[in-house]
Amino acid sequence: MTSPAPRWAIIDGRRVPHDGATVHVSDLGLRRGHAVFEMFRIEAGVPLFLEAHLARLARSAEAIGLPLPRAADGVAADVHALIEANALGVAAVQILLTGGPSDDGVTLREPTCIVTSTHVPPRAAAPAGATLVTHRHTRELPEAKSTNYLTAMRLAAAMRAAGAIDVLYHDGVHVTEGARSALAVILDDTFVTRRDGVLASVSMSKLLGLARERMRVEERAISLDELYAADEVLSTGSVRGVVPVTAIDARSIGDGTIGPHARALFTAFAAHVARYVAGRRGGAA
């Protein structure tokens, strides 16, 4: 029997066996939650929208006062090294930037950059309706993609019991964002998504550009009343891509089926990804 191929991780530019990839017990990411990350798909060996993810990683790090230990081109090189080492075709890659070891558990000394990969299923060829559940919660520093997912983890069992793919946060009046996704609604043939007070979504920014080519677009807050009354709802994430939402809190959206705008935008996004991959095959992103 052939032994499975070794799986690797990259820590501060060094390739190490995945099973032996560790951080020190004094790491500020572990002890204080002082860490940010990015996660994105690999398609045909190409990291999707890597430039945008690296830019957001830098913004997130700055927002929490975490200096980058490696320049963007160095982190990009780590990503490509991991893709080659793990022979990644379709996968997800995470870049995790932690506060690193600390002598007193508080003082920042030298951040740590970790790049790992995980298996994900192939991208769906056709849209499938999904369910969301809502929860009143305000994220701390929503503009930073930090590792603080305590509320989402606490709600994970209830979310699974409801058959939901994500929990959607709100402040009692307006919707903000999903724990792991961005949100858009279709209201009277207008594409509406929120820009302020939420994480800048890489996938939503791509979808927003595609929507502008087809319909009116508004970037503003979305009320809970608008959410439930929307003609169509879309969720986006860097790993899942574009997902039509057909139910929220056991309430049907529209007639409970995938609407025409969602179908068109799903197809347009898939074509956009295909063009991106084709343009980068054989070269660095």
C-alpha atoms as a PDB file:
ATOM      1  CA  MET A   1       0.000   0.000   0.000  1.00  0.00           C
ATOM      2  CA  THR A   2       1.279   3.442  -0.934  1.00  0.00           C
ATOM      3  CA  SER A   3       1.833   5.816   1.951  1.00  0.00           C
ATOM      4  CA  PRO A   4      -0.183   9.060   1.805  1.00  0.00           C
ATOM      5  CA  ALA A   5       1.715  12.104   0.585  1.00  0.00           C
ATOM      6  CA  PRO A   6       3.060  14.252   3.428  1.00  0.00           C
ATOM      7  CA  ARG A   7       1.070  17.359   4.295  1.00  0.00           C
ATOM      8  CA  TRP A   8       2.923  20.579   4.961  1.00  0.00           C
ATOM      9  CA  ALA A   9       2.430  23.957   6.607  1.00  0.00           C
ATOM     10  CA  ILE A  10       4.483  27.129   6.265  1.00  0.00           C
ATOM     11  CA  ILE A  11       5.474  28.981   9.449  1.00  0.00           C
ATOM     12  CA  ASP A  12       7.407  32.231   9.056  1.00  0.00           C
ATOM     13  CA  GLY A  13       8.583  31.120   5.639  1.00  0.00           C
ATOM     14  CA  ARG A  14       9.715  27.646   6.765  1.00  0.00           C
ATOM     15  CA  ARG A  15       8.060  24.458   5.525  1.00  0.00           C
ATOM     16  CA  VAL A  16       7.201  22.106   8.380  1.00  0.00           C
ATOM     17  CA  PRO A  17       5.101  18.916   8.602  1.00  0.00           C
ATOM     18  CA  HIS A  18       1.474  19.838   9.188  1.00  0.00           C
ATOM     19  CA  ASP A  19       1.129  17.472  12.146  1.00  0.00           C
ATOM     20  CA  GLY A  20       4.113  19.153  13.804  1.00  0.00           C
ATOM     21  CA  ALA A  21       3.115  22.745  13.030  1.00  0.00           C
ATOM     22  CA  THR A  22       2.815  24.448  16.427  1.00  0.00           C
ATOM     23  CA  VAL A  23       2.944  27.812  18.147  1.00  0.00           C
ATOM     24  CA  HIS A  24       4.494  28.480  21.541  1.00  0.00           C
ATOM     25  CA  VAL A  25       2.269  28.231  24.620  1.00  0.00           C
ATOM     26  CA  SER A  26       2.889  31.944  25.270  1.00  0.00           C
ATOM     27  CA  ASP A  27       1.640  32.983  21.816  1.00  0.00           C
ATOM     28  CA  LEU A  28      -0.589  36.052  22.077  1.00  0.00           C
ATOM     29  CA  GLY A  29      -2.998  34.627  19.534  1.00  0.00           C
ATOM     30  CA  LEU A  30      -3.581  31.665  21.829  1.00  0.00           C
ATOM     31  CA  ARG A  31      -3.538  33.512  25.144  1.00  0.00           C
ATOM     32  CA  ARG A  32      -5.149  36.849  24.216  1.00  0.00           C
ATOM     33  CA  GLY A  33      -6.862  36.309  20.874  1.00  0.00           C
ATOM     34  CA  HIS A  34      -4.439  38.775  19.301  1.00  0.00           C
ATOM     35  CA  ALA A  35      -4.607  37.396  15.765  1.00  0.00           C
ATOM     36  CA  VAL A  36      -6.104  37.985  12.331  1.00  0.00           C
ATOM     37  CA  PHE A  37      -6.486  35.715   9.340  1.00  0.00           C
ATOM     38  CA  GLU A  38      -7.534  35.279   5.732  1.00  0.00           C
ATOM     39  CA  MET A  39      -9.040  32.187   4.111  1.00  0.00           C
ATOM     40  CA  PHE A  40      -9.637  31.683   0.401  1.00  0.00           C
ATOM     41  CA  ARG A  41     -10.155  29.022  -2.224  1.00  0.00           C
ATOM     42  CA  ILE A  42      -7.599  27.401  -4.458  1.00  0.00           C
ATOM     43  CA  GLU A  43      -8.966  26.575  -7.901  1.00  0.00           C
ATOM     44  CA  ALA A  44      -6.822  24.631 -10.394  1.00  0.00           C
ATOM     45  CA  GLY A  45      -3.826  25.490  -8.199  1.00  0.00           C
ATOM     46  CA  VAL A  46      -4.580  29.234  -8.291  1.00  0.00           C
ATOM     47  CA  PRO A  47      -5.286  31.200  -5.069  1.00  0.00           C
ATOM     48  CA  LEU A  48      -8.429  33.197  -5.806  1.00  0.00           C
ATOM     49  CA  PHE A  49      -8.106  36.971  -5.459  1.00  0.00           C
ATOM     50  CA  LEU A  50      -4.905  36.609  -3.442  1.00  0.00           C
ATOM     51  CA  GLU A  51      -3.966  40.267  -3.896  1.00  0.00           C
ATOM     52  CA  ALA A  52      -7.203  41.442  -2.302  1.00  0.00           C
ATOM     53  CA  HIS A  53      -6.873  38.992   0.581  1.00  0.00           C
ATOM     54  CA  LEU A  54      -3.314  40.097   1.332  1.00  0.00           C
ATOM     55  CA  ALA A  55      -4.425  43.740   1.300  1.00  0.00           C
ATOM     56  CA  ARG A  56      -7.245  42.956   3.737  1.00  0.00           C
ATOM     57  CA  LEU A  57      -4.858  40.996   5.971  1.00  0.00           C
ATOM     58  CA  ALA A  58      -2.659  44.087   6.213  1.00  0.00           C
ATOM     59  CA  ARG A  59      -5.662  46.287   7.083  1.00  0.00           C
ATOM     60  CA  SER A  60      -6.861  43.826   9.716  1.00  0.00           C
ATOM     61  CA  ALA A  61      -3.396  43.611  11.263  1.00  0.00           C
ATOM     62  CA  GLU A  62      -3.122  47.398  11.413  1.00  0.00           C
ATOM     63  CA  ALA A  63      -6.585  47.652  13.005  1.00  0.00           C
ATOM     64  CA  ILE A  64      -5.577  45.457  15.948  1.00  0.00           C
ATOM     65  CA  GLY A  65      -2.052  46.877  16.263  1.00  0.00           C
ATOM     66  CA  LEU A  66      -0.260  43.840  14.886  1.00  0.00           C
ATOM     67  CA  PRO A  67       2.791  44.526  12.670  1.00  0.00           C
ATOM     68  CA  LEU A  68       3.314  42.322   9.625  1.00  0.00           C
ATOM     69  CA  PRO A  69       6.394  40.110  10.107  1.00  0.00           C
ATOM     70  CA  ARG A  70       6.614  39.473   6.352  1.00  0.00           C
ATOM     71  CA  ALA A  71       5.914  41.710   3.382  1.00  0.00           C
ATOM     72  CA  ALA A  72       2.970  40.884   1.124  1.00  0.00           C
ATOM     73  CA  ASP A  73       5.204  39.346  -1.544  1.00  0.00           C
ATOM     74  CA  GLY A  74       6.787  37.118   1.107  1.00  0.00           C
ATOM     75  CA  VAL A  75       3.386  35.880   2.299  1.00  0.00           C
ATOM     76  CA  ALA A  76       2.322  35.349  -1.320  1.00  0.00           C
ATOM     77  CA  ALA A  77       5.457  33.268  -1.832  1.00  0.00           C
ATOM     78  CA  ASP A  78       4.492  31.193   1.235  1.00  0.00           C
ATOM     79  CA  VAL A  79       1.050  30.570  -0.266  1.00  0.00           C
ATOM     80  CA  HIS A  80       2.485  29.415  -3.581  1.00  0.00           C
ATOM     81  CA  ALA A  81       5.072  27.264  -1.790  1.00  0.00           C
ATOM     82  CA  LEU A  82       2.287  25.557   0.152  1.00  0.00           C
ATOM     83  CA  ILE A  83       0.240  24.993  -3.006  1.00  0.00           C
ATOM     84  CA  GLU A  84       3.241  23.271  -4.591  1.00  0.00           C
ATOM     85  CA  ALA A  85       4.235  21.298  -1.474  1.00  0.00           C
ATOM     86  CA  ASN A  86       0.704  19.960  -0.889  1.00  0.00           C
ATOM     87  CA  ALA A  87      -0.070  19.591  -4.615  1.00  0.00           C
ATOM     88  CA  LEU A  88      -3.228  21.628  -4.155  1.00  0.00           C
ATOM     89  CA  GLY A  89      -5.768  21.666  -6.973  1.00  0.00           C
ATOM     90  CA  VAL A  90      -9.032  22.495  -5.200  1.00  0.00           C
ATOM     91  CA  ALA A  91      -8.588  23.440  -1.541  1.00  0.00           C
ATOM     92  CA  ALA A  92      -8.812  26.276   0.964  1.00  0.00           C
ATOM     93  CA  VAL A  93      -5.774  28.088   2.330  1.00  0.00           C
ATOM     94  CA  GLN A  94      -5.633  30.041   5.572  1.00  0.00           C
ATOM     95  CA  ILE A  95      -3.090  32.718   6.417  1.00  0.00           C
ATOM     96  CA  LEU A  96      -3.013  33.201  10.187  1.00  0.00           C
ATOM     97  CA  LEU A  97      -1.102  36.093  11.715  1.00  0.00           C
ATOM     98  CA  THR A  98      -0.705  35.839  15.490  1.00  0.00           C
ATOM     99  CA  GLY A  99       0.888  38.052  18.101  1.00  0.00           C
ATOM    100  CA  GLY A 100       3.637  35.477  18.573  1.00  0.00           C
ATOM    101  CA  PRO A 101       5.414  34.424  21.772  1.00  0.00           C
ATOM    102  CA  SER A 102       5.292  36.877  24.677  1.00  0.00           C
ATOM    103  CA  ASP A 103       7.383  36.812  27.832  1.00  0.00           C
ATOM    104  CA  ASP A 104       4.639  38.309  29.993  1.00  0.00           C
ATOM    105  CA  GLY A 105       1.533  37.291  28.038  1.00  0.00           C
ATOM    106  CA  VAL A 106       0.863  40.917  27.096  1.00  0.00           C
ATOM    107  CA  THR A 107       3.863  42.511  25.405  1.00  0.00           C
ATOM    108  CA  LEU A 108       4.194  42.014  21.662  1.00  0.00           C
ATOM    109  CA  ARG A 109       7.606  40.732  20.633  1.00  0.00           C
ATOM    110  CA  GLU A 110       7.560  39.111  17.171  1.00  0.00           C
ATOM    111  CA  PRO A 111       4.389  38.094  15.311  1.00  0.00           C
ATOM    112  CA  THR A 112       4.057  34.674  13.694  1.00  0.00           C
ATOM    113  CA  CYS A 113       2.733  33.990  10.187  1.00  0.00           C
ATOM    114  CA  ILE A 114       1.221  30.548   9.557  1.00  0.00           C
ATOM    115  CA  VAL A 115      -0.063  29.258   6.213  1.00  0.00           C
ATOM    116  CA  THR A 116      -2.057  26.014   6.130  1.00  0.00           C
ATOM    117  CA  SER A 117      -4.467  24.260   3.784  1.00  0.00           C
ATOM    118  CA  THR A 118      -7.593  22.182   4.182  1.00  0.00           C
ATOM    119  CA  HIS A 119      -9.810  20.121   1.892  1.00  0.00           C
ATOM    120  CA  VAL A 120     -12.994  21.654   0.483  1.00  0.00           C
ATOM    121  CA  PRO A 121     -15.480  20.212  -2.005  1.00  0.00           C
ATOM    122  CA  PRO A 122     -15.463  21.395  -5.622  1.00  0.00           C
ATOM    123  CA  ARG A 123     -17.342  24.598  -6.362  1.00  0.00           C
ATOM    124  CA  ALA A 124     -21.029  23.976  -7.013  1.00  0.00           C
ATOM    125  CA  ALA A 125     -21.912  23.902 -10.709  1.00  0.00           C
ATOM    126  CA  ALA A 126     -25.432  25.208 -10.071  1.00  0.00           C
ATOM    127  CA  PRO A 127     -26.921  27.400  -7.326  1.00  0.00           C
ATOM    128  CA  ALA A 128     -28.619  25.728  -4.374  1.00  0.00           C
ATOM    129  CA  GLY A 129     -30.809  27.535  -1.867  1.00  0.00           C
ATOM    130  CA  ALA A 130     -29.521  27.925   1.680  1.00  0.00           C
ATOM    131  CA  THR A 131     -30.856  28.926   5.099  1.00  0.00           C
ATOM    132  CA  LEU A 132     -29.598  31.549   7.554  1.00  0.00           C
ATOM    133  CA  VAL A 133     -30.491  32.235  11.173  1.00  0.00           C
ATOM    134  CA  THR A 134     -30.224  35.646  12.841  1.00  0.00           C
ATOM    135  CA  HIS A 135     -28.774  36.698  16.173  1.00  0.00           C
ATOM    136  CA  ARG A 136     -28.438  40.079  17.863  1.00  0.00           C
ATOM    137  CA  HIS A 137     -24.746  40.747  18.233  1.00  0.00           C
ATOM    138  CA  THR A 138     -22.227  43.491  17.471  1.00  0.00           C
ATOM    139  CA  ARG A 139     -18.736  42.372  16.532  1.00  0.00           C
ATOM    140  CA  GLU A 140     -15.781  44.140  18.119  1.00  0.00           C
ATOM    141  CA  LEU A 141     -13.725  45.868  15.412  1.00  0.00           C
ATOM    142  CA  PRO A 142     -15.880  44.524  12.567  1.00  0.00           C
ATOM    143  CA  GLU A 143     -13.486  45.976   9.978  1.00  0.00           C
ATOM    144  CA  ALA A 144     -10.796  43.493  11.108  1.00  0.00           C
ATOM    145  CA  LYS A 145     -10.948  39.799  10.268  1.00  0.00           C
ATOM    146  CA  SER A 146      -9.867  38.688  13.718  1.00  0.00           C
ATOM    147  CA  THR A 147      -9.999  35.187  15.170  1.00  0.00           C
ATOM    148  CA  ASN A 148     -12.696  36.230  17.663  1.00  0.00           C
ATOM    149  CA  TYR A 149     -15.516  33.861  16.648  1.00  0.00           C
ATOM    150  CA  LEU A 150     -16.773  33.189  20.169  1.00  0.00           C
ATOM    151  CA  THR A 151     -20.409  34.073  19.415  1.00  0.00           C
ATOM    152  CA  ALA A 152     -20.449  32.036  16.211  1.00  0.00           C
ATOM    153  CA  MET A 153     -18.921  29.032  17.966  1.00  0.00           C
ATOM    154  CA  ARG A 154     -21.436  29.302  20.801  1.00  0.00           C
ATOM    155  CA  LEU A 155     -24.283  29.306  18.272  1.00  0.00           C
ATOM    156  CA  ALA A 156     -22.864  26.558  16.060  1.00  0.00           C
ATOM    157  CA  ALA A 157     -25.063  23.762  17.434  1.00  0.00           C
ATOM    158  CA  ALA A 158     -28.257  25.817  17.052  1.00  0.00           C
ATOM    159  CA  MET A 159     -27.228  26.809  13.552  1.00  0.00           C
ATOM    160  CA  ARG A 160     -26.688  23.183  12.543  1.00  0.00           C
ATOM    161  CA  ALA A 161     -30.012  22.181  14.108  1.00  0.00           C
ATOM    162  CA  ALA A 162     -31.735  24.781  11.913  1.00  0.00           C
ATOM    163  CA  GLY A 163     -29.943  23.528   8.808  1.00  0.00           C
ATOM    164  CA  ALA A 164     -28.340  26.957   8.382  1.00  0.00           C
ATOM    165  CA  ILE A 165     -25.031  27.684   6.682  1.00  0.00           C
ATOM    166  CA  ASP A 166     -24.312  30.777   8.788  1.00  0.00           C
ATOM    167  CA  VAL A 167     -25.597  33.087  11.508  1.00  0.00           C
ATOM    168  CA  LEU A 168     -26.516  36.611  10.434  1.00  0.00           C
ATOM    169  CA  TYR A 169     -25.877  39.368  12.965  1.00  0.00           C
ATOM    170  CA  HIS A 170     -28.102  42.411  13.549  1.00  0.00           C
ATOM    171  CA  ASP A 171     -28.368  45.263  16.063  1.00  0.00           C
ATOM    172  CA  GLY A 172     -32.105  44.986  16.590  1.00  0.00           C
ATOM    173  CA  VAL A 173     -32.933  47.294  13.678  1.00  0.00           C
ATOM    174  CA  HIS A 174     -30.401  46.731  10.914  1.00  0.00           C
ATOM    175  CA  VAL A 175     -28.615  43.682   9.577  1.00  0.00           C
ATOM    176  CA  THR A 176     -24.825  43.799   9.680  1.00  0.00           C
ATOM    177  CA  GLU A 177     -23.138  40.648   8.335  1.00  0.00           C
ATOM    178  CA  GLY A 178     -22.823  36.915   8.717  1.00  0.00           C
ATOM    179  CA  ALA A 179     -20.283  35.347  11.019  1.00  0.00           C
ATOM    180  CA  ARG A 180     -18.519  33.977   7.947  1.00  0.00           C
ATOM    181  CA  SER A 181     -20.233  35.729   5.074  1.00  0.00           C
ATOM    182  CA  ALA A 182     -21.429  39.006   3.588  1.00  0.00           C
ATOM    183  CA  LEU A 183     -25.018  39.763   2.682  1.00  0.00           C
ATOM    184  CA  ALA A 184     -26.896  41.387  -0.187  1.00  0.00           C
ATOM    185  CA  VAL A 185     -30.615  41.692  -0.837  1.00  0.00           C
ATOM    186  CA  ILE A 186     -32.594  42.332  -4.000  1.00  0.00           C
ATOM    187  CA  LEU A 187     -35.337  44.904  -3.476  1.00  0.00           C
ATOM    188  CA  ASP A 188     -37.413  45.942  -6.500  1.00  0.00           C
ATOM    189  CA  ASP A 189     -34.619  44.950  -8.922  1.00  0.00           C
ATOM    190  CA  THR A 190     -32.031  46.858  -6.853  1.00  0.00           C
ATOM    191  CA  PHE A 191     -28.950  45.125  -5.426  1.00  0.00           C
ATOM    192  CA  VAL A 192     -28.381  46.382  -1.864  1.00  0.00           C
ATOM    193  CA  THR A 193     -25.407  45.580   0.361  1.00  0.00           C
ATOM    194  CA  ARG A 194     -23.852  47.245   3.382  1.00  0.00           C
ATOM    195  CA  ARG A 195     -20.463  48.957   3.253  1.00  0.00           C
ATOM    196  CA  ASP A 196     -19.933  50.652   6.649  1.00  0.00           C
ATOM    197  CA  GLY A 197     -19.528  48.891   9.974  1.00  0.00           C
ATOM    198  CA  VAL A 198     -18.840  45.475   8.448  1.00  0.00           C
ATOM    199  CA  LEU A 199     -15.834  43.522   7.211  1.00  0.00           C
ATOM    200  CA  ALA A 200     -14.942  44.474   3.639  1.00  0.00           C
ATOM    201  CA  SER A 201     -15.803  41.234   1.830  1.00  0.00           C
ATOM    202  CA  VAL A 202     -13.539  40.228  -1.045  1.00  0.00           C
ATOM    203  CA  SER A 203     -16.188  38.054  -2.685  1.00  0.00           C
ATOM    204  CA  MET A 204     -18.927  40.658  -2.189  1.00  0.00           C
ATOM    205  CA  SER A 205     -16.751  43.335  -3.772  1.00  0.00           C
ATOM    206  CA  LYS A 206     -16.414  41.129  -6.866  1.00  0.00           C
ATOM    207  CA  LEU A 207     -20.148  40.403  -6.904  1.00  0.00           C
ATOM    208  CA  LEU A 208     -20.917  44.091  -6.459  1.00  0.00           C
ATOM    209  CA  GLY A 209     -18.979  44.916  -9.619  1.00  0.00           C
ATOM    210  CA  LEU A 210     -20.868  42.239 -11.546  1.00  0.00           C
ATOM    211  CA  ALA A 211     -24.186  43.512 -10.199  1.00  0.00           C
ATOM    212  CA  ARG A 212     -23.396  47.061 -11.369  1.00  0.00           C
ATOM    213  CA  GLU A 213     -23.277  45.763 -14.942  1.00  0.00           C
ATOM    214  CA  ARG A 214     -26.831  44.413 -14.666  1.00  0.00           C
ATOM    215  CA  MET A 215     -28.896  46.484 -12.268  1.00  0.00           C
ATOM    216  CA  ARG A 216     -29.098  49.385  -9.881  1.00  0.00           C
ATOM    217  CA  VAL A 217     -26.823  49.092  -6.830  1.00  0.00           C
ATOM    218  CA  GLU A 218     -27.037  50.689  -3.388  1.00  0.00           C
ATOM    219  CA  GLU A 219     -24.458  50.443  -0.604  1.00  0.00           C
ATOM    220  CA  ARG A 220     -26.269  51.178   2.652  1.00  0.00           C
ATOM    221  CA  ALA A 221     -27.670  49.670   5.823  1.00  0.00           C
ATOM    222  CA  ILE A 222     -30.385  47.025   5.413  1.00  0.00           C
ATOM    223  CA  SER A 223     -33.200  46.869   7.952  1.00  0.00           C
ATOM    224  CA  LEU A 224     -34.550  43.620   9.353  1.00  0.00           C
ATOM    225  CA  ASP A 225     -37.917  44.468   7.796  1.00  0.00           C
ATOM    226  CA  GLU A 226     -36.248  44.832   4.389  1.00  0.00           C
ATOM    227  CA  LEU A 227     -34.399  41.568   4.901  1.00  0.00           C
ATOM    228  CA  TYR A 228     -37.527  39.518   5.500  1.00  0.00           C
ATOM    229  CA  ALA A 229     -39.449  41.307   2.730  1.00  0.00           C
ATOM    230  CA  ALA A 230     -36.659  41.056   0.139  1.00  0.00           C
ATOM    231  CA  ASP A 231     -37.391  39.548  -3.251  1.00  0.00           C
ATOM    232  CA  GLU A 232     -34.072  37.681  -3.128  1.00  0.00           C
ATOM    233  CA  VAL A 233     -31.146  37.354  -0.712  1.00  0.00           C
ATOM    234  CA  LEU A 234     -27.543  36.441  -1.485  1.00  0.00           C
ATOM    235  CA  SER A 235     -24.726  35.375   0.816  1.00  0.00           C
ATOM    236  CA  THR A 236     -21.085  35.443  -0.269  1.00  0.00           C
ATOM    237  CA  GLY A 237     -17.940  33.968   1.209  1.00  0.00           C
ATOM    238  CA  SER A 238     -14.415  33.427  -0.028  1.00  0.00           C
ATOM    239  CA  VAL A 239     -14.708  29.637   0.203  1.00  0.00           C
ATOM    240  CA  ARG A 240     -18.407  29.106  -0.624  1.00  0.00           C
ATOM    241  CA  GLY A 241     -18.653  31.817  -3.264  1.00  0.00           C
ATOM    242  CA  VAL A 242     -22.141  33.082  -4.092  1.00  0.00           C
ATOM    243  CA  VAL A 243     -25.013  31.327  -2.288  1.00  0.00           C
ATOM    244  CA  PRO A 244     -28.703  32.190  -2.806  1.00  0.00           C
ATOM    245  CA  VAL A 245     -30.601  32.319   0.504  1.00  0.00           C
ATOM    246  CA  THR A 246     -34.155  31.010   0.337  1.00  0.00           C
ATOM    247  CA  ALA A 247     -35.049  31.029   4.054  1.00  0.00           C
ATOM    248  CA  ILE A 248     -34.101  33.045   7.141  1.00  0.00           C
ATOM    249  CA  ASP A 249     -35.298  32.129  10.628  1.00  0.00           C
ATOM    250  CA  ALA A 250     -37.688  29.563   9.091  1.00  0.00           C
ATOM    251  CA  ARG A 251     -39.263  32.317   6.951  1.00  0.00           C
ATOM    252  CA  SER A 252     -39.220  31.932   3.185  1.00  0.00           C
ATOM    253  CA  ILE A 253     -37.538  34.629   1.143  1.00  0.00           C
ATOM    254  CA  GLY A 254     -39.789  35.569  -1.746  1.00  0.00           C
ATOM    255  CA  ASP A 255     -41.539  32.417  -2.867  1.00  0.00           C
ATOM    256  CA  GLY A 256     -38.874  30.228  -1.264  1.00  0.00           C
ATOM    257  CA  THR A 257     -37.085  29.432  -4.530  1.00  0.00           C
ATOM    258  CA  ILE A 258     -33.913  30.764  -6.145  1.00  0.00           C
ATOM    259  CA  GLY A 259     -34.745  33.970  -7.980  1.00  0.00           C
ATOM    260  CA  PRO A 260     -33.637  35.112 -11.447  1.00  0.00           C
ATOM    261  CA  HIS A 261     -31.141  37.709 -10.208  1.00  0.00           C
ATOM    262  CA  ALA A 262     -29.480  35.172  -7.918  1.00  0.00           C
ATOM    263  CA  ARG A 263     -29.163  32.702 -10.779  1.00  0.00           C
ATOM    264  CA  ALA A 264     -27.704  35.309 -13.109  1.00  0.00           C
ATOM    265  CA  LEU A 265     -25.231  36.601 -10.526  1.00  0.00           C
ATOM    266  CA  PHE A 266     -24.185  33.064  -9.547  1.00  0.00           C
ATOM    267  CA  THR A 267     -23.387  32.360 -13.200  1.00  0.00           C
ATOM    268  CA  ALA A 268     -21.582  35.684 -13.656  1.00  0.00           C
ATOM    269  CA  PHE A 269     -19.460  35.112 -10.554  1.00  0.00           C
ATOM    270  CA  ALA A 270     -18.495  31.616 -11.732  1.00  0.00           C
ATOM    271  CA  ALA A 271     -17.438  33.048 -15.080  1.00  0.00           C
ATOM    272  CA  HIS A 272     -15.438  35.780 -13.325  1.00  0.00           C
ATOM    273  CA  VAL A 273     -13.601  33.138 -11.264  1.00  0.00           C
ATOM    274  CA  ALA A 274     -12.903  31.096 -14.399  1.00  0.00           C
ATOM    275  CA  ARG A 275     -11.398  34.137 -16.136  1.00  0.00           C
ATOM    276  CA  TYR A 276      -9.283  34.939 -13.088  1.00  0.00           C
ATOM    277  CA  VAL A 277      -7.942  31.374 -12.920  1.00  0.00           C
ATOM    278  CA  ALA A 278      -7.276  31.217 -16.664  1.00  0.00           C
ATOM    279  CA  GLY A 279      -5.343  34.477 -16.500  1.00  0.00           C
ATOM    280  CA  ARG A 280      -3.071  33.200 -13.733  1.00  0.00           C
ATOM    281  CA  ARG A 281      -2.415  29.597 -14.636  1.00  0.00           C
ATOM    282  CA  GLY A 282       1.305  28.995 -14.684  1.00  0.00           C
ATOM    283  CA  GLY A 283       2.207  32.286 -12.995  1.00  0.00           C
ATOM    284  CA  ALA A 284       2.159  33.984  -9.612  1.00  0.00           C
ATOM    285  CA  ALA A 285      -1.041  35.719  -8.558  1.00  0.00           C
END
